């Protein structure tokens, strides 16, 4: 497959795809299989924190419609993100079929159950547990886990699982020193920075200050609701596009109208596109990752960096061969117009439709 007349980095280029990989990126040619008509060609987006969409949640373990929805909206790879639930429910999810047409389901992000009751957010407190290496080993294909490092046994847990699983600090009440210790033991990310954790205080820098100082990754929900414009821009300046990762944190209401939904056994009310629990707690988003890229640009982040934070940066964090338009990388690509509206989705070197 040859894509031509594609804007990459400000100039028109052509991309040759063979066997699902990018074989060549060259000067523009005047022929090929897909004419991008001067539109932008960007890497497919990678969402490392998304619970659901179109009425489905990861805990339903029904991934076929989810893979299709994500692909239709520009997310070509994702980590299906669980809620804090019982071990049997989590095991059922991780044993479910995940190989479907559409977005690549790379594995699972366990958002809990090893979290702080004080900062549980929209998680169900009755399922919160203390970290257990032995229990965690029963689950397959977990690529990321959110942990509150102040819990008993957390440091040993982080040290044991971090070589094969990204440990992300989140839903936590930890102080700066505890966060530093967690990072030194292998944690390398913050879960939805600012949400469900102590704030960055000038005398008590907490986990955000520790993450900045130690140069780890940080997730940010850039849906225009969770984080205000000045804080989005400040966080971008703090972490940079190589460390800040955009996430949707979407729940089952993504792609659906206002109404009442469920998440992790809790009632969620979607009103004016904002999802909240009955007590007013924000309960994830209804945005897609492409929506978040658009919002980031609207708020003042350069287009190339906004795209990087939703593609290359999460790919680098996960250590996968995606997120770049370079020879040898997976041919997961998007063609978007100047307003970042999606025109064509290519996954594994094939046009998705």
Protein backbone atom coordinates (compact mmCIF):
# COMPACT_ATOMS: atom_id res chain seq x y z
CA UNK A 1 0.00 0.00 0.00
CA UNK A 2 1.20 3.51 -0.82
CA UNK A 3 -0.22 6.63 0.82
CA UNK A 4 0.67 9.80 -1.07
CA UNK A 5 0.00 13.55 -0.88
CA UNK A 6 0.12 13.20 2.92
CA UNK A 7 1.25 16.10 5.07
CA UNK A 8 3.84 14.88 7.58
CA UNK A 9 5.73 17.45 9.61
CA UNK A 10 4.67 20.31 7.36
CA UNK A 11 5.56 18.82 3.97
CA UNK A 12 3.92 16.41 1.56
CA UNK A 13 5.29 12.88 1.83
CA UNK A 14 4.52 9.34 0.75
CA UNK A 15 4.43 6.25 2.95
CA UNK A 16 4.90 2.68 1.76
CA UNK A 17 3.33 -0.07 3.87
CA UNK A 18 4.22 -3.76 3.64
CA UNK A 19 3.05 -6.63 5.87
CA UNK A 20 1.44 -4.28 8.35
CA UNK A 21 4.61 -2.22 8.86
CA UNK A 22 5.87 1.09 7.54
CA UNK A 23 8.44 0.12 4.92
CA UNK A 24 9.43 3.58 3.73
CA UNK A 25 8.71 7.26 4.26
CA UNK A 26 9.83 9.20 1.20
CA UNK A 27 9.45 12.36 -0.82
CA UNK A 28 5.99 12.67 -2.25
CA UNK A 29 5.01 10.66 -5.32
CA UNK A 30 2.00 11.26 -7.59
CA UNK A 31 0.46 7.80 -7.45
CA UNK A 32 -0.51 5.12 -4.99
CA UNK A 33 -3.42 3.44 -3.24
CA UNK A 34 -4.58 6.24 -0.94
CA UNK A 35 -4.51 9.90 -1.92
CA UNK A 36 -4.44 11.91 1.30
CA UNK A 37 -5.26 15.08 -0.69
CA UNK A 38 -2.86 17.16 1.35
CA UNK A 39 -4.41 16.19 4.67
CA UNK A 40 -2.30 15.35 7.70
CA UNK A 41 -1.06 11.82 8.31
CA UNK A 42 -0.51 11.08 11.99
CA UNK A 43 0.15 7.95 14.06
CA UNK A 44 -2.88 6.08 15.37
CA UNK A 45 -3.85 7.12 18.89
CA UNK A 46 -3.14 4.94 21.93
CA UNK A 47 -5.43 5.26 24.96
CA UNK A 48 -3.89 3.71 28.09
CA UNK A 49 -6.84 4.66 30.31
CA UNK A 50 -10.33 4.03 28.98
CA UNK A 51 -13.11 2.13 30.71
CA UNK A 52 -15.69 1.92 27.98
CA UNK A 53 -17.94 3.37 25.32
CA UNK A 54 -21.26 2.88 23.50
CA UNK A 55 -22.99 1.46 26.58
CA UNK A 56 -20.24 -1.04 27.38
CA UNK A 57 -17.66 -1.17 30.15
CA UNK A 58 -14.46 -3.20 30.38
CA UNK A 59 -16.06 -5.12 33.24
CA UNK A 60 -18.72 -6.40 30.80
CA UNK A 61 -15.92 -8.25 28.94
CA UNK A 62 -17.69 -7.62 25.60
CA UNK A 63 -14.89 -6.13 23.55
CA UNK A 64 -16.03 -6.55 19.95
CA UNK A 65 -18.22 -3.38 19.82
CA UNK A 66 -15.64 -1.46 21.85
CA UNK A 67 -12.81 -2.29 19.43
CA UNK A 68 -14.98 -1.09 16.55
CA UNK A 69 -16.01 2.17 18.27
CA UNK A 70 -12.46 3.08 19.22
CA UNK A 71 -11.23 2.44 15.68
CA UNK A 72 -14.05 4.49 14.20
CA UNK A 73 -12.94 7.42 16.37
CA UNK A 74 -9.18 7.26 15.78
CA UNK A 75 -8.00 5.17 18.73
CA UNK A 76 -6.07 2.35 17.09
CA UNK A 77 -4.77 0.75 20.31
CA UNK A 78 -5.94 0.81 23.92
CA UNK A 79 -5.62 -0.69 27.36
CA UNK A 80 -9.05 -1.83 28.53
CA UNK A 81 -9.25 -0.28 31.98
CA UNK A 82 -10.95 -2.10 34.82
CA UNK A 83 -12.72 -0.76 37.88
CA UNK A 84 -12.05 -1.66 41.50
CA UNK A 85 -14.02 -4.91 41.62
CA UNK A 86 -13.74 -8.41 43.10
CA UNK A 87 -11.03 -10.80 41.97
CA UNK A 88 -13.48 -13.16 40.28
CA UNK A 89 -14.88 -10.34 38.15
CA UNK A 90 -11.40 -9.16 37.24
CA UNK A 91 -10.31 -12.66 36.31
CA UNK A 92 -13.37 -13.11 34.09
CA UNK A 93 -12.43 -9.93 32.22
CA UNK A 94 -8.77 -10.84 31.74
CA UNK A 95 -9.75 -14.28 30.44
CA UNK A 96 -12.21 -12.87 27.87
CA UNK A 97 -11.60 -12.87 24.10
CA UNK A 98 -9.84 -9.69 23.03
CA UNK A 99 -8.83 -10.26 19.41
CA UNK A 100 -11.41 -8.41 17.33
CA UNK A 101 -11.42 -6.28 14.20
CA UNK A 102 -10.75 -2.66 14.97
CA UNK A 103 -8.55 -1.13 17.62
CA UNK A 104 -5.80 -3.31 19.08
CA UNK A 105 -6.66 -4.32 22.63
CA UNK A 106 -3.10 -4.38 23.94
CA UNK A 107 -3.95 -5.64 27.40
CA UNK A 108 -5.47 -4.35 30.61
CA UNK A 109 -4.99 -1.40 32.93
CA UNK A 110 -6.09 -2.33 36.45
CA UNK A 111 -7.35 0.88 38.06
CA UNK A 112 -7.39 -0.70 41.48
CA UNK A 113 -8.22 -2.59 43.60
CA UNK A 114 -5.06 -1.43 45.43
CA UNK A 115 -6.14 2.15 45.99
CA UNK A 116 -6.83 4.58 48.85
CA UNK A 117 -10.38 4.76 50.26
CA UNK A 118 -9.80 8.48 50.86
CA UNK A 119 -9.25 9.10 47.15
CA UNK A 120 -11.40 6.35 45.69
CA UNK A 121 -13.08 8.78 43.26
CA UNK A 122 -15.75 6.88 41.31
CA UNK A 123 -14.50 3.48 42.50
CA UNK A 124 -16.49 1.12 44.72
CA UNK A 125 -14.89 1.16 48.18
CA UNK A 126 -16.13 -2.28 49.23
CA UNK A 127 -13.77 -3.93 46.72
CA UNK A 128 -10.60 -2.07 47.75
CA UNK A 129 -7.79 -4.39 48.87
CA UNK A 130 -4.20 -4.21 50.07
CA UNK A 131 -1.60 -5.18 47.44
CA UNK A 132 -0.91 -8.89 47.03
CA UNK A 133 1.74 -10.13 44.62
CA UNK A 134 0.37 -13.68 44.82
CA UNK A 135 -3.19 -12.60 44.03
CA UNK A 136 -2.10 -10.33 41.20
CA UNK A 137 -0.26 -13.18 39.46
CA UNK A 138 -3.56 -14.89 38.69
CA UNK A 139 -4.47 -12.21 36.13
CA UNK A 140 -3.31 -12.37 32.51
CA UNK A 141 -2.10 -9.60 30.21
CA UNK A 142 -2.15 -6.72 32.71
CA UNK A 143 0.08 -4.04 31.18
CA UNK A 144 -0.55 -1.28 33.72
CA UNK A 145 -1.80 -1.09 37.30
CA UNK A 146 -2.74 1.93 39.40
CA UNK A 147 -1.50 1.65 42.99
CA UNK A 148 -1.67 3.84 46.08
CA UNK A 149 1.91 3.49 47.37
CA UNK A 150 1.05 4.32 50.99
CA UNK A 151 -0.86 1.05 51.40
CA UNK A 152 0.77 -1.75 53.38
CA UNK A 153 2.87 -3.93 51.11
CA UNK A 154 2.84 -1.47 48.19
CA UNK A 155 6.59 -1.02 47.90
CA UNK A 156 7.22 -4.76 47.74
CA UNK A 157 4.39 -5.10 45.23
CA UNK A 158 5.70 -2.30 43.01
CA UNK A 159 9.21 -3.72 43.01
CA UNK A 160 7.94 -7.20 42.13
CA UNK A 161 5.56 -6.34 39.27
CA UNK A 162 7.13 -3.24 37.69
CA UNK A 163 9.57 -5.11 35.43
CA UNK A 164 6.69 -6.51 33.34
CA UNK A 165 3.84 -4.09 34.15
CA UNK A 166 3.74 -0.28 34.22
CA UNK A 167 2.97 0.77 37.79
CA UNK A 168 1.12 4.07 37.94
CA UNK A 169 0.67 6.07 41.14
CA UNK A 170 -2.95 7.06 41.61
CA UNK A 171 -6.08 7.13 43.75
CA UNK A 172 -3.62 7.89 46.51
CA UNK A 173 -3.11 10.03 49.61
CA UNK A 174 0.65 9.56 49.58
CA UNK A 175 3.11 12.32 50.40
CA UNK A 176 6.18 13.36 48.41
CA UNK A 177 8.59 11.03 50.21
CA UNK A 178 6.35 7.98 49.72
CA UNK A 179 5.92 8.81 46.04
CA UNK A 180 9.69 9.15 45.61
CA UNK A 181 10.15 5.73 47.22
CA UNK A 182 7.51 4.23 44.91
CA UNK A 183 9.28 5.66 41.86
CA UNK A 184 12.64 4.38 43.10
CA UNK A 185 11.03 0.94 43.40
CA UNK A 186 9.78 1.01 39.81
CA UNK A 187 6.63 3.16 39.48
CA UNK A 188 6.86 5.24 36.31
CA UNK A 189 3.57 7.05 35.79
CA UNK A 190 0.85 9.12 37.47
CA UNK A 191 -2.77 8.09 36.96
CA UNK A 192 -5.01 10.97 35.76
CA UNK A 193 -2.77 13.64 37.29
CA UNK A 194 -4.50 15.95 39.81
CA UNK A 195 -7.58 13.74 40.03
CA UNK A 196 -7.84 11.48 43.11
CA UNK A 197 -4.52 12.55 44.67
CA UNK A 198 -3.11 15.35 46.88
CA UNK A 199 -2.54 18.59 44.99
CA UNK A 200 0.83 20.13 44.13
CA UNK A 201 1.42 22.35 47.17
CA UNK A 202 4.37 24.71 47.45
CA UNK A 203 5.57 23.14 50.72
CA UNK A 204 4.05 19.67 50.29
CA UNK A 205 4.73 18.74 46.66
CA UNK A 206 3.11 15.30 47.00
CA UNK A 207 3.09 12.74 44.18
CA UNK A 208 2.89 15.39 41.43
CA UNK A 209 6.06 17.07 42.63
CA UNK A 210 7.78 13.70 42.94
CA UNK A 211 6.75 12.71 39.41
CA UNK A 212 8.06 15.98 38.01
CA UNK A 213 11.37 15.72 39.83
CA UNK A 214 11.94 12.08 38.87
CA UNK A 215 10.92 12.59 35.20
CA UNK A 216 8.30 9.85 35.05
CA UNK A 217 5.22 9.80 32.84
CA UNK A 218 1.96 11.53 33.75
CA UNK A 219 -1.53 10.88 32.43
CA UNK A 220 -3.86 13.84 31.85
CA UNK A 221 -7.59 13.77 31.08
CA UNK A 222 -7.80 16.50 28.47
CA UNK A 223 -11.57 16.53 27.93
CA UNK A 224 -12.08 20.19 28.81
CA UNK A 225 -13.89 19.23 32.02
CA UNK A 226 -11.49 17.51 34.41
CA UNK A 227 -8.62 20.00 34.13
CA UNK A 228 -8.74 23.76 33.57
CA UNK A 229 -6.87 25.41 30.71
CA UNK A 230 -4.11 27.04 32.84
CA UNK A 231 -3.40 23.74 34.58
CA UNK A 232 -3.35 21.79 31.31
CA UNK A 233 -0.78 24.24 29.92
CA UNK A 234 1.26 24.31 33.14
CA UNK A 235 1.36 20.51 33.24
CA UNK A 236 2.44 20.42 29.60
CA UNK A 237 5.28 22.80 30.47
CA UNK A 238 6.22 20.72 33.53
CA UNK A 239 6.35 17.28 31.95
CA UNK A 240 6.77 18.03 28.26
CA UNK A 241 5.32 16.14 25.32
CA UNK A 242 7.71 13.22 25.84
CA UNK A 243 6.34 12.49 29.33
CA UNK A 244 2.76 13.78 29.39
CA UNK A 245 0.25 11.22 28.10
CA UNK A 246 -3.25 12.23 27.09
CA UNK A 247 -6.01 9.84 28.15
CA UNK A 248 -9.77 9.84 27.70
CA UNK A 249 -10.75 8.00 30.92
CA UNK A 250 -13.98 7.39 29.02
CA UNK A 251 -16.78 5.30 30.49
CA UNK A 252 -19.74 3.49 28.90
CA UNK A 253 -21.53 6.78 28.16
CA UNK A 254 -18.94 7.75 25.52
CA UNK A 255 -20.72 7.97 22.19
CA UNK A 256 -24.15 8.10 23.86
CA UNK A 257 -26.60 10.89 24.79
CA UNK A 258 -27.24 12.31 28.26
CA UNK A 259 -28.90 9.88 30.65
CA UNK A 260 -28.32 7.49 33.53
CA UNK A 261 -25.58 4.84 33.31
CA UNK A 262 -23.60 2.49 35.54
CA UNK A 263 -19.87 2.25 36.24
CA UNK A 264 -18.31 -0.23 38.63
CA UNK A 265 -21.68 -0.89 40.23
CA UNK A 266 -22.28 2.83 40.84
CA UNK A 267 -24.97 5.01 39.26
CA UNK A 268 -23.60 7.64 36.87
CA UNK A 269 -25.58 10.59 35.51
CA UNK A 270 -24.47 12.09 32.19
CA UNK A 271 -25.70 15.66 31.83
CA UNK A 272 -24.45 18.14 29.22
CA UNK A 273 -21.76 15.63 28.36
CA UNK A 274 -20.34 15.49 31.92
CA UNK A 275 -20.55 12.21 33.86
CA UNK A 276 -20.97 12.39 37.63
CA UNK A 277 -21.92 10.13 40.52
CA UNK A 278 -25.03 11.02 42.49
CA UNK A 279 -22.88 12.90 45.03
CA UNK A 280 -21.43 15.09 42.27
CA UNK A 281 -18.07 13.32 41.90
CA UNK A 282 -16.83 13.38 38.30
CA UNK A 283 -16.97 9.79 37.03
CA UNK A 284 -14.68 9.56 34.03
CA UNK A 285 -15.39 11.24 30.72
CA UNK A 286 -17.49 10.77 27.62
CA UNK A 287 -14.73 11.95 25.30
CA UNK A 288 -12.69 9.99 22.79
CA UNK A 289 -8.91 10.34 22.71
CA UNK A 290 -9.19 12.26 19.44
CA UNK A 291 -11.55 14.67 21.23
CA UNK A 292 -8.81 15.13 23.83
CA UNK A 293 -6.23 15.90 21.14
CA UNK A 294 -8.57 18.50 19.67
CA UNK A 295 -9.14 20.02 23.12
CA UNK A 296 -5.40 20.16 23.80
CA UNK A 297 -4.86 22.08 20.55
CA UNK A 298 -7.77 24.37 21.32
CA UNK A 299 -6.26 25.12 24.74
CA UNK A 300 -2.96 26.16 23.19
CA UNK A 301 -0.78 23.05 22.85
CA UNK A 302 0.94 22.74 19.44
CA UNK A 303 -0.69 20.17 17.16
CA UNK A 304 2.39 17.97 16.78
CA UNK A 305 2.88 17.77 20.54
CA UNK A 306 -0.80 17.06 21.19
CA UNK A 307 -0.61 14.15 18.72
CA UNK A 308 2.67 12.91 20.23
CA UNK A 309 1.12 12.84 23.71
CA UNK A 310 -1.62 10.55 22.41
CA UNK A 311 0.58 8.29 20.27
CA UNK A 312 4.38 8.21 20.60
CA UNK A 313 4.49 9.01 24.31
CA UNK A 314 2.11 6.24 25.44
CA UNK A 315 3.82 3.85 23.01
CA UNK A 316 7.20 4.64 24.54
CA UNK A 317 5.80 4.18 28.04
CA UNK A 318 4.44 0.75 27.13
CA UNK A 319 7.52 -0.20 25.12
CA UNK A 320 5.59 -1.06 21.95
CA UNK A 321 6.41 -0.65 18.26
CA UNK A 322 3.78 2.00 17.57
CA UNK A 323 3.26 5.75 17.67
CA UNK A 324 5.69 6.85 14.96
CA UNK A 325 5.61 7.32 11.20
CA UNK A 326 9.01 5.76 10.68
CA UNK A 327 10.36 2.70 8.92
CA UNK A 328 9.77 -0.52 10.84
CA UNK A 329 6.91 0.73 13.00
CA UNK A 330 3.39 -0.70 12.95
CA UNK A 331 1.27 0.88 10.24
CA UNK A 332 -1.45 2.25 12.52
CA UNK A 333 -2.21 5.62 10.96
CA UNK A 334 -4.84 8.32 10.71
CA UNK A 335 -5.58 10.85 8.00
CA UNK A 336 -7.12 14.01 9.48
CA UNK A 337 -8.02 17.37 7.99
CA UNK A 338 -6.80 20.77 9.19
CA UNK A 339 -9.53 20.82 11.85
CA UNK A 340 -8.44 17.35 13.09
CA UNK A 341 -11.55 15.70 11.73
CA UNK A 342 -10.98 12.04 10.94
CA UNK A 343 -10.88 11.07 7.26
CA UNK A 344 -9.26 7.60 7.14
CA UNK A 345 -8.19 5.00 9.71
CA UNK A 346 -5.48 2.46 8.92
CA UNK A 347 -4.76 -0.36 11.37
CA UNK A 348 -2.06 -2.92 10.74
CA UNK A 349 -1.63 -1.61 7.21
CA UNK A 350 -5.29 -2.03 6.29
CA UNK A 351 -7.99 0.60 5.90
CA UNK A 352 -10.60 0.17 8.63
CA UNK A 353 -14.21 0.44 7.55
